[in-house]
Protein backbone atom coordinates (compact mmCIF):
# COMPACT_ATOMS: atom_id res chain seq x y z
CA MET A 1 -34.25 -1.11 -41.28
CA SER A 2 -31.76 -3.49 -39.76
CA LEU A 3 -32.14 -2.41 -36.55
CA GLU A 4 -33.17 -5.48 -34.09
CA ILE A 5 -36.75 -5.29 -32.69
CA HIS A 6 -36.70 -7.85 -29.75
CA ARG A 7 -40.14 -9.73 -28.95
CA ASP A 8 -41.58 -10.18 -25.30
CA ARG A 9 -38.49 -8.89 -23.88
CA ASP A 10 -37.78 -9.38 -20.21
CA LEU A 11 -37.36 -5.99 -18.38
CA THR A 12 -36.98 -7.49 -15.04
CA ARG A 13 -33.56 -6.94 -14.61
CA ALA A 14 -33.57 -3.71 -16.92
CA ASN A 15 -35.58 -1.70 -13.59
CA THR A 16 -33.07 -1.65 -10.13
CA LEU A 17 -36.58 -2.77 -8.14
CA GLY A 18 -36.27 -6.05 -9.87
CA LEU A 19 -40.04 -6.14 -10.30
CA PRO A 20 -41.51 -8.65 -13.01
CA SER A 21 -42.21 -6.80 -16.17
CA ARG A 22 -42.18 -7.90 -19.84
CA ALA A 23 -41.98 -5.48 -22.96
CA VAL A 24 -44.49 -6.51 -26.17
CA HIS A 25 -41.57 -5.14 -28.10
CA PHE A 26 -38.39 -3.56 -27.73
CA VAL A 27 -35.24 -1.63 -28.95
CA ALA A 28 -32.24 -0.19 -28.37
CA PRO A 29 -30.83 2.23 -30.96
CA ALA A 30 -27.56 2.95 -30.87
CA SER A 31 -27.58 6.23 -32.24
CA GLN A 32 -29.80 9.26 -32.74
CA GLY A 33 -30.27 8.61 -36.46
CA GLU A 34 -31.86 4.68 -35.32
CA LEU A 35 -33.77 6.66 -32.62
CA MET A 36 -35.48 8.59 -35.31
CA SER A 37 -36.29 6.11 -37.45
CA VAL A 38 -37.69 4.22 -34.56
CA VAL A 39 -40.17 6.74 -33.78
CA THR A 40 -40.78 6.69 -37.51
CA MET A 41 -41.55 3.12 -37.36
CA ALA A 42 -43.75 3.16 -34.29
CA ARG A 43 -45.79 5.97 -35.37
CA GLU A 44 -46.76 3.90 -39.01
CA ARG A 45 -47.47 0.82 -37.02
CA GLN A 46 -49.41 2.87 -34.39
CA TRP A 47 -47.59 1.51 -31.31
CA PRO A 48 -47.38 3.47 -28.20
CA LEU A 49 -43.82 4.36 -27.46
CA THR A 50 -42.37 3.93 -23.51
CA LEU A 51 -39.32 5.41 -23.26
CA LEU A 52 -36.84 3.54 -20.55
CA GLY A 53 -33.08 4.74 -19.08
CA GLY A 54 -31.24 2.87 -16.59
CA GLY A 55 -34.52 1.78 -15.24
CA SER A 56 -33.65 3.48 -11.50
CA ASN A 57 -36.89 5.54 -10.68
CA LEU A 58 -39.38 3.51 -12.07
CA ILE A 59 -42.08 1.28 -10.95
CA LEU A 60 -42.82 -0.75 -14.22
CA GLY A 61 -46.23 -2.68 -15.14
CA GLU A 62 -46.08 -6.54 -15.61
CA CYS A 63 -46.68 -6.07 -19.10
CA LEU A 64 -45.63 -2.80 -21.29
CA LYS A 65 -47.72 -2.86 -24.81
CA GLY A 66 -46.20 -1.02 -27.83
CA LEU A 67 -42.64 -0.83 -28.14
CA VAL A 68 -40.17 0.24 -25.29
CA VAL A 69 -37.21 1.93 -26.19
CA GLN A 70 -33.53 2.25 -24.38
CA PRO A 71 -31.51 4.56 -25.77
CA ALA A 72 -28.28 3.03 -26.05
CA PHE A 73 -26.02 6.16 -27.64
CA THR A 74 -23.56 6.94 -24.84
CA GLY A 75 -21.09 9.44 -26.43
CA TRP A 76 -20.08 12.80 -24.81
CA TRP A 77 -17.39 15.82 -25.30
CA LEU A 78 -16.25 18.91 -23.85
CA GLU A 79 -16.24 22.13 -25.39
CA GLN A 80 -14.35 25.16 -23.75
CA GLY A 81 -16.47 27.95 -22.68
CA PRO A 82 -15.50 31.86 -21.25
CA ALA A 83 -13.87 32.33 -17.98
CA GLY A 84 -13.11 29.12 -17.35
CA SER A 85 -16.63 27.27 -18.32
CA VAL A 86 -16.83 23.67 -19.86
CA ARG A 87 -19.55 22.82 -21.48
CA VAL A 88 -20.43 19.37 -21.57
CA HIS A 89 -22.07 17.24 -24.21
CA VAL A 90 -23.51 13.87 -23.22
CA GLU A 91 -25.84 11.55 -25.29
CA ALA A 92 -29.18 9.93 -23.16
CA GLY A 93 -27.37 6.48 -23.06
CA MET A 94 -24.43 7.29 -20.82
CA GLU A 95 -24.66 6.09 -17.14
CA TRP A 96 -24.93 9.19 -14.87
CA HIS A 97 -22.27 7.93 -12.27
CA ALA A 98 -19.87 7.30 -15.25
CA LEU A 99 -19.80 10.62 -16.50
CA VAL A 100 -19.54 12.23 -12.86
CA MET A 101 -16.56 9.98 -12.37
CA ALA A 102 -15.15 11.10 -15.65
CA LEU A 103 -15.30 14.71 -15.35
CA VAL A 104 -14.02 15.25 -11.57
CA GLU A 105 -11.00 12.70 -12.95
CA ARG A 106 -10.84 15.70 -15.25
CA ASP A 107 -10.84 18.36 -12.21
CA LEU A 108 -14.40 19.58 -13.32
CA TRP A 109 -16.75 20.96 -10.33
CA GLY A 110 -20.48 21.19 -10.45
CA ILE A 111 -21.92 17.64 -10.32
CA GLU A 112 -19.48 15.79 -7.90
CA ASN A 113 -22.56 16.07 -4.84
CA LEU A 114 -24.41 13.97 -7.49
CA ALA A 115 -21.87 10.77 -7.73
CA LEU A 116 -23.59 7.33 -7.39
CA ILE A 117 -27.05 8.22 -8.40
CA PRO A 118 -28.24 5.27 -10.55
CA GLY A 119 -29.72 5.69 -14.03
CA HIS A 120 -29.25 7.26 -17.90
CA CYS A 121 -28.22 10.64 -18.36
CA GLY A 122 -31.35 10.97 -20.71
CA ALA A 123 -33.64 10.57 -17.68
CA ALA A 124 -31.67 12.93 -15.35
CA PRO A 125 -33.90 16.15 -16.24
CA ILE A 126 -37.03 14.15 -15.87
CA GLN A 127 -36.50 14.17 -12.05
CA ASN A 128 -34.07 16.96 -11.94
CA ILE A 129 -31.89 14.66 -9.88
CA GLY A 130 -30.36 16.14 -6.80
CA ALA A 131 -28.29 15.28 -3.80
CA TYR A 132 -26.32 16.47 -1.14
CA GLY A 133 -27.51 20.52 -1.80
CA VAL A 134 -26.85 20.49 -5.46
CA GLU A 135 -29.69 19.66 -8.35
CA LEU A 136 -29.18 19.33 -12.03
CA ALA A 137 -31.04 22.66 -12.72
CA GLU A 138 -28.19 24.45 -11.73
CA VAL A 139 -25.94 23.15 -14.17
CA LEU A 140 -27.90 22.03 -16.96
CA GLU A 141 -27.68 24.52 -19.79
CA ALA A 142 -29.82 22.49 -22.55
CA VAL A 143 -31.65 19.56 -23.41
CA HIS A 144 -31.77 18.09 -26.82
CA LEU A 145 -35.15 16.22 -27.53
CA VAL A 146 -37.05 14.58 -30.45
CA TYR A 147 -41.00 14.72 -30.23
CA LEU A 148 -42.27 11.36 -30.47
CA ASP A 149 -45.72 12.35 -32.46
CA ASP A 150 -44.10 13.86 -35.75
CA GLY A 151 -40.03 13.10 -35.12
CA ARG A 152 -39.05 16.92 -34.60
CA GLU A 153 -36.31 18.09 -33.02
CA ALA A 154 -36.23 21.02 -30.29
CA VAL A 155 -33.79 22.26 -27.87
CA LEU A 156 -35.13 23.39 -24.49
CA GLY A 157 -33.07 25.84 -22.41
CA SER A 158 -32.64 25.25 -18.47
CA ALA A 159 -35.52 27.86 -17.86
CA ASP A 160 -37.89 26.07 -20.20
CA CYS A 161 -37.88 23.01 -18.35
CA ALA A 162 -39.88 24.05 -15.52
CA PHE A 163 -37.57 22.79 -12.93
CA GLY A 164 -38.82 22.38 -9.35
CA TYR A 165 -37.88 19.95 -6.52
CA ARG A 166 -37.66 16.25 -8.10
CA ASP A 167 -40.15 17.83 -10.65
CA SER A 168 -39.84 18.97 -14.65
CA ILE A 169 -41.70 19.69 -17.64
CA PHE A 170 -41.13 15.92 -18.63
CA LYS A 171 -43.04 14.94 -15.71
CA GLY A 172 -46.01 17.30 -16.71
CA GLU A 173 -46.65 18.80 -20.12
CA LEU A 174 -43.85 16.71 -22.10
CA ASP A 175 -44.89 13.69 -20.25
CA GLY A 176 -44.82 10.43 -22.60
CA ARG A 177 -44.26 13.22 -25.65
CA VAL A 178 -40.56 13.13 -26.33
CA ALA A 179 -37.55 11.50 -26.03
CA ILE A 180 -34.71 12.83 -24.49
CA THR A 181 -31.23 12.50 -26.78
CA LYS A 182 -28.54 14.59 -25.31
CA LEU A 183 -27.77 16.92 -22.30
CA VAL A 184 -25.66 20.32 -22.40
CA LEU A 185 -24.07 20.92 -18.60
CA GLN A 186 -21.93 23.68 -18.04
CA LEU A 187 -19.25 23.14 -15.48
CA SER A 188 -16.32 24.92 -14.08
CA ARG A 189 -12.46 24.56 -13.75
CA ARG A 190 -12.40 26.65 -10.85
CA SER A 191 -12.74 25.11 -7.06
CA CYS A 192 -16.43 25.51 -5.87
CA PRO A 193 -17.02 22.92 -3.34
CA ARG A 194 -20.60 22.35 -1.76
CA LEU A 195 -20.27 20.85 1.78
CA ASP A 196 -22.72 22.45 3.59
CA TYR A 197 -25.30 19.48 3.60
CA GLY A 198 -25.26 16.55 6.18
CA ASP A 199 -21.57 15.49 7.38
CA LEU A 200 -20.34 16.09 3.93
CA ALA A 201 -17.87 18.54 5.26
CA ARG A 202 -16.45 16.62 7.74
CA ARG A 203 -15.54 13.88 5.17
CA VAL A 204 -12.96 16.07 3.30
CA GLY A 205 -10.30 18.37 3.89
CA PRO A 206 -9.98 22.33 3.77
CA ALA A 207 -9.18 22.07 0.00
CA PRO A 208 -10.92 19.39 -1.72
CA SER A 209 -10.84 18.18 -4.92
CA ALA A 210 -13.76 17.40 -7.21
CA ARG A 211 -12.77 13.87 -7.33
CA GLU A 212 -12.34 13.81 -3.29
CA VAL A 213 -16.11 15.49 -2.60
CA ALA A 214 -17.43 12.83 -5.18
CA GLU A 215 -15.63 9.91 -2.89
CA ALA A 216 -17.19 11.44 0.07
CA VAL A 217 -20.59 11.41 -1.52
CA ILE A 218 -19.90 7.76 -2.45
CA SER A 219 -18.94 6.87 0.73
CA ILE A 220 -22.07 8.37 2.59
CA ARG A 221 -24.67 6.91 0.15
CA ARG A 222 -23.13 3.49 0.26
CA GLU A 223 -23.21 3.54 4.14
CA LYS A 224 -27.13 4.61 3.69
CA LEU A 225 -28.23 3.28 0.77
CA PRO A 226 -28.63 -0.52 -0.35
CA ASP A 227 -26.81 -1.86 -3.69
CA PRO A 228 -29.96 -2.50 -6.01
CA SER A 229 -27.92 -5.55 -7.55
CA GLN A 230 -28.12 -7.02 -4.16
CA LEU A 231 -31.37 -5.73 -2.92
CA GLY A 232 -34.00 -4.08 -5.35
CA ASN A 233 -34.67 -0.35 -4.77
CA ALA A 234 -35.60 2.51 -6.30
CA GLY A 235 -33.27 4.93 -4.09
CA SER A 236 -35.59 7.47 -2.42
CA PHE A 237 -39.10 6.53 -2.63
CA PHE A 238 -40.88 9.28 -1.21
CA LYS A 239 -40.34 13.32 -1.76
CA ASN A 240 -39.29 15.08 1.28
CA PRO A 241 -42.76 16.82 1.92
CA VAL A 242 -42.73 20.55 2.20
CA ALA A 243 -44.94 22.36 4.70
CA THR A 244 -46.27 25.51 5.56
CA THR A 245 -44.87 27.93 7.94
CA VAL A 246 -48.10 27.19 10.75
CA GLN A 247 -47.68 23.30 9.47
CA ALA A 248 -44.24 23.41 10.67
CA ARG A 249 -44.12 25.35 13.58
CA ALA A 250 -47.00 23.38 15.12
CA LEU A 251 -44.82 20.04 14.32
CA LEU A 252 -41.66 21.76 15.66
CA SER A 253 -43.69 22.35 18.58
CA ARG A 254 -44.13 18.90 19.16
CA TYR A 255 -41.10 17.53 18.08
CA PRO A 256 -38.58 19.82 18.65
CA ASP A 257 -35.51 17.53 17.29
CA MET A 258 -37.24 17.19 13.68
CA PRO A 259 -35.33 17.94 11.24
CA HIS A 260 -36.40 20.93 9.01
CA PHE A 261 -34.59 22.98 5.84
CA PRO A 262 -36.36 26.54 5.91
CA LEU A 263 -36.94 27.44 2.31
CA PRO A 264 -36.67 31.20 0.78
CA ASP A 265 -40.53 31.51 0.22
CA GLY A 266 -41.15 30.79 3.88
CA ARG A 267 -41.88 27.21 3.40
CA VAL A 268 -40.11 24.19 5.57
CA LYS A 269 -38.68 21.03 3.81
CA LEU A 270 -39.19 18.09 6.08
CA ALA A 271 -37.49 14.83 6.11
CA ALA A 272 -39.67 12.12 4.60
CA GLY A 273 -37.39 8.97 6.02
CA TRP A 274 -37.28 10.85 9.80
CA LEU A 275 -40.86 10.95 9.64
CA ILE A 276 -41.59 7.30 8.62
CA ASP A 277 -38.68 6.17 11.19
CA GLN A 278 -41.04 8.22 13.99
CA CYS A 279 -43.81 5.83 12.76
CA GLY A 280 -41.61 2.81 14.01
CA LEU A 281 -41.26 1.52 10.46
CA LYS A 282 -37.78 1.56 9.77
CA GLY A 283 -36.98 -2.30 8.94
CA TYR A 284 -40.69 -2.90 8.82
CA ARG A 285 -41.27 -6.02 5.98
CA GLU A 286 -44.73 -7.31 4.90
CA GLY A 287 -44.46 -9.58 2.35
CA ALA A 288 -42.21 -8.69 -0.65
CA PHE A 289 -41.29 -5.57 0.35
CA GLY A 290 -39.96 -3.28 3.14
CA VAL A 291 -38.70 -0.20 4.79
CA HIS A 292 -34.85 -0.66 4.73
CA ASP A 293 -33.24 -1.14 8.16
CA ARG A 294 -30.86 1.77 7.88
CA GLN A 295 -32.92 4.41 5.61
CA ALA A 296 -36.12 4.72 6.02
CA LEU A 297 -36.57 6.73 2.93
CA VAL A 298 -35.69 3.41 0.77
CA LEU A 299 -38.38 0.97 0.13
CA VAL A 300 -36.60 -2.52 -0.74
CA HIS A 301 -38.12 -5.64 -2.87
CA HIS A 302 -37.10 -8.80 -1.26
CA GLY A 303 -38.12 -10.87 -4.42
CA ASP A 304 -41.15 -12.29 -5.87
CA GLY A 305 -43.62 -9.25 -5.56
CA ASN A 306 -45.11 -6.87 -8.02
CA ALA A 307 -45.87 -3.42 -8.81
CA ARG A 308 -49.14 -3.37 -7.40
CA GLU A 309 -48.38 -5.26 -4.20
CA LEU A 310 -45.44 -2.12 -4.04
CA LEU A 311 -48.15 0.41 -4.30
CA ALA A 312 -50.04 -1.08 -1.66
CA PHE A 313 -47.30 -1.47 0.65
CA SER A 314 -46.25 2.31 -0.30
CA ASN A 315 -49.48 3.52 -0.08
CA ALA A 316 -50.02 2.45 3.87
CA ILE A 317 -46.56 3.45 4.84
CA ALA A 318 -47.97 7.01 3.45
CA MET A 319 -50.94 6.61 5.59
CA ARG A 320 -49.11 5.73 8.63
CA VAL A 321 -47.40 9.22 8.30
CA TRP A 322 -50.57 11.13 7.72
CA GLN A 323 -52.20 9.63 10.66
CA ARG A 324 -49.53 10.74 13.19
CA PHE A 325 -47.94 13.99 11.48
CA GLY A 326 -51.01 15.04 9.13
CA VAL A 327 -48.04 15.59 6.30
CA SER A 328 -48.89 13.94 3.20
CA LEU A 329 -45.97 11.56 1.20
CA GLU A 330 -45.70 11.55 -2.73
CA ARG A 331 -44.29 9.22 -4.43
CA GLU A 332 -40.97 9.60 -6.32
CA PRO A 333 -40.50 7.10 -8.99
CA ARG A 334 -42.71 7.25 -12.09
CA LEU A 335 -45.30 4.64 -13.06
CA ILE A 336 -45.30 2.89 -16.10
CA GLY A 337 -47.58 0.52 -17.82
CA LEU A 338 -50.25 0.93 -14.84
CA ALA A 339 -52.54 3.50 -13.42
CA ASP A 340 -51.65 5.58 -10.42
CA THR A 341 -53.46 4.38 -7.57
CA ALA A 342 -51.65 6.74 -4.94
């Protein structure tokens, strides 16, 4: 195989937290065919495989054994559908934000609220990425994938992906078992802005274009979130916790101004950032890690820290929230190359 396998590859710049990490072996296949060859080679050599996307929602251990594979195929194309719908086919290595901007430039609606989310398209279903009232699951039609144990190809429909809040089958039953190769999204040419989250509606006119909505989202995110190229971070570090009706009522009786979002099943979603902020932790720093001074939901890496130190810091933050509110915080970024300690 002519595909180059790199040895002892530095991954520090391949994860947005900037954590020190190295891959024993690393490869970036430029096509699905090359990916299939890599999967076969790793199986023959009995190398464990680790899939890496844009590194934006990960906590990497210091040494990743076996073979780290970062798909580098980035093609995308459109297919006309019925009644003004458009199917978007996009390969795993495409940057998500670049795809969003390319589609809003073509006046296609459905993912404009997901602008400026870092990472590659192949990782988007794993997390069921979401922002400003929209989740990927709402527009995802299919996920194409390859099983790592035997190279078998398969296609999962959206209903087969077990999507939930920041969750999917790819974090459960299929975790570590498949490589996502392509997504199929279903968007619309018909104007359908979703502006009922935060102050988004105040940022746009009465009849905004998809591009105007995306630009408003970009503006809000840049005001609140640090640029990973300037300050290491993985975006939102904790999921917004979901409380029972009884628990939410008890908390609201003590904190009537607490942000809360009723869910269809009667439970109530709380704002993790607000809970952390109320513990006086916004801007708090301990060693190499801290809570961002503008958005308490974001933990930042100031440099010279490692994954285990980050986990200890985040556990301490979660404990402070538990002690004050009796609410558990769940980490959002996935661990790769180290055991879960939270």
